[in-house]
Amino acid sequence: RLIVDHYRRRSSDKRGGDEPLISLDDVDIPVPGSFTSWLDLDAALEGLERVDPVAAEVVQLRYIGGMSLEDTANALGIGSATVGRKWRFARTWLARWLAD
């Protein structure tokens, strides 16, 4: 959320939206390079949340939070098998969304 909020602020006209952005390639933080933008990822997660809120939470905990299947299941209070199904569904759904 912090990265997306920062990107939105930087993209606004008030904050010099036409100015070139500084690349995160030189910063030592893990950033997935396969996404066209963090805003696309945020929009995809919001779309997933409308379709399946639990699947969206699974993505946030697993992908962004780095939790295992078991840790995610414990955090959400659901079974590991359910987390596995939600994870598979979410990955497929997000891949289709981001491909469009």
Protein backbone atom coordinates (compact mmCIF):
# COMPACT_ATOMS: atom_id res chain seq x y z
CA ARG A 1 0.00 0.00 0.00
CA LEU A 2 2.83 2.40 0.81
CA ILE A 3 4.40 2.01 -2.62
CA VAL A 4 1.06 2.43 -4.41
CA ASP A 5 0.16 5.50 -2.33
CA HIS A 6 3.57 7.00 -3.00
CA TYR A 7 3.20 6.35 -6.74
CA ARG A 8 -0.26 7.98 -6.77
CA ARG A 9 1.07 11.06 -4.97
CA ARG A 10 3.99 11.34 -7.35
CA SER A 11 1.70 10.92 -10.36
CA SER A 12 -0.65 13.74 -9.38
CA ASP A 13 -0.37 17.05 -11.23
CA LYS A 14 0.12 18.88 -7.94
CA ARG A 15 3.28 16.85 -7.33
CA GLY A 16 4.78 17.25 -10.80
CA GLY A 17 3.07 14.33 -12.53
CA ASP A 18 5.01 14.95 -15.75
CA GLU A 19 8.38 14.70 -14.03
CA PRO A 20 10.32 11.47 -14.64
CA LEU A 21 10.14 8.95 -11.84
CA ILE A 22 13.24 7.62 -10.14
CA SER A 23 13.78 3.97 -10.94
CA LEU A 24 13.63 1.49 -8.08
CA ASP A 25 16.28 -0.60 -9.81
CA ASP A 26 19.00 1.16 -7.81
CA VAL A 27 17.27 0.63 -4.46
CA ASP A 28 17.97 -2.49 -2.42
CA ILE A 29 14.38 -3.58 -1.79
CA PRO A 30 12.65 -6.56 -3.39
CA VAL A 31 10.31 -5.31 -6.12
CA PRO A 32 8.70 -7.68 -8.62
CA GLY A 33 9.88 -6.60 -12.04
CA SER A 34 7.26 -8.42 -14.08
CA PHE A 35 4.45 -5.92 -13.40
CA THR A 36 3.99 -2.93 -15.67
CA SER A 37 3.17 -0.81 -12.65
CA TRP A 38 2.22 -0.99 -9.00
CA LEU A 39 -1.05 0.72 -9.90
CA ASP A 40 -1.91 -2.20 -12.20
CA LEU A 41 -1.20 -4.63 -9.38
CA ASP A 42 -3.29 -2.58 -6.95
CA ALA A 43 -6.21 -2.44 -9.41
CA ALA A 44 -5.93 -6.20 -9.94
CA LEU A 45 -5.99 -6.86 -6.18
CA GLU A 46 -9.03 -4.59 -5.79
CA GLY A 47 -10.78 -6.50 -8.59
CA LEU A 48 -9.91 -9.81 -6.95
CA GLU A 49 -11.21 -8.52 -3.63
CA ARG A 50 -14.59 -7.81 -5.23
CA VAL A 51 -14.72 -11.36 -6.62
CA ASP A 52 -13.23 -13.24 -3.66
CA PRO A 53 -12.17 -11.23 -0.59
CA VAL A 54 -10.50 -14.23 1.09
CA ALA A 55 -8.40 -14.94 -2.01
CA ALA A 56 -7.27 -11.29 -2.01
CA GLU A 57 -6.23 -11.62 1.65
CA VAL A 58 -4.34 -14.81 0.82
CA VAL A 59 -2.41 -12.96 -1.90
CA GLN A 60 -1.57 -10.11 0.45
CA LEU A 61 -0.34 -12.44 3.18
CA ARG A 62 1.48 -14.89 0.92
CA TYR A 63 2.97 -12.70 -1.79
CA ILE A 64 3.36 -9.36 -0.10
CA GLY A 65 3.75 -10.61 3.48
CA GLY A 66 5.87 -13.63 2.55
CA MET A 67 3.86 -16.05 4.70
CA SER A 68 3.74 -19.80 4.12
CA LEU A 69 0.51 -21.67 3.41
CA GLU A 70 0.34 -22.79 7.02
CA ASP A 71 1.02 -19.32 8.44
CA THR A 72 -1.60 -17.83 6.14
CA ALA A 73 -4.14 -20.46 7.20
CA ASN A 74 -3.45 -19.69 10.88
CA ALA A 75 -3.69 -15.93 10.34
CA LEU A 76 -7.03 -16.24 8.54
CA GLY A 77 -8.40 -19.01 10.73
CA ILE A 78 -9.06 -21.35 7.79
CA GLY A 79 -7.61 -24.68 6.68
CA SER A 80 -4.41 -25.07 4.69
CA ALA A 81 -6.31 -26.84 1.90
CA THR A 82 -8.64 -23.83 1.59
CA VAL A 83 -5.66 -21.47 1.47
CA GLY A 84 -4.13 -23.64 -1.27
CA ARG A 85 -7.34 -23.48 -3.33
CA LYS A 86 -7.66 -19.71 -2.83
CA TRP A 87 -3.99 -19.23 -3.73
CA ARG A 88 -4.34 -21.20 -6.99
CA PHE A 89 -7.53 -19.33 -7.88
CA ALA A 90 -5.97 -15.95 -7.10
CA ARG A 91 -2.84 -16.61 -9.14
CA THR A 92 -4.91 -17.63 -12.17
CA TRP A 93 -7.29 -14.70 -11.77
CA LEU A 94 -4.50 -12.16 -11.36
CA ALA A 95 -2.54 -13.57 -14.30
CA ARG A 96 -5.58 -13.13 -16.55
CA TRP A 97 -6.27 -9.63 -15.23
CA LEU A 98 -2.68 -8.48 -15.67
CA ALA A 99 -2.44 -10.07 -19.13
CA ASP A 100 -5.30 -7.86 -20.31
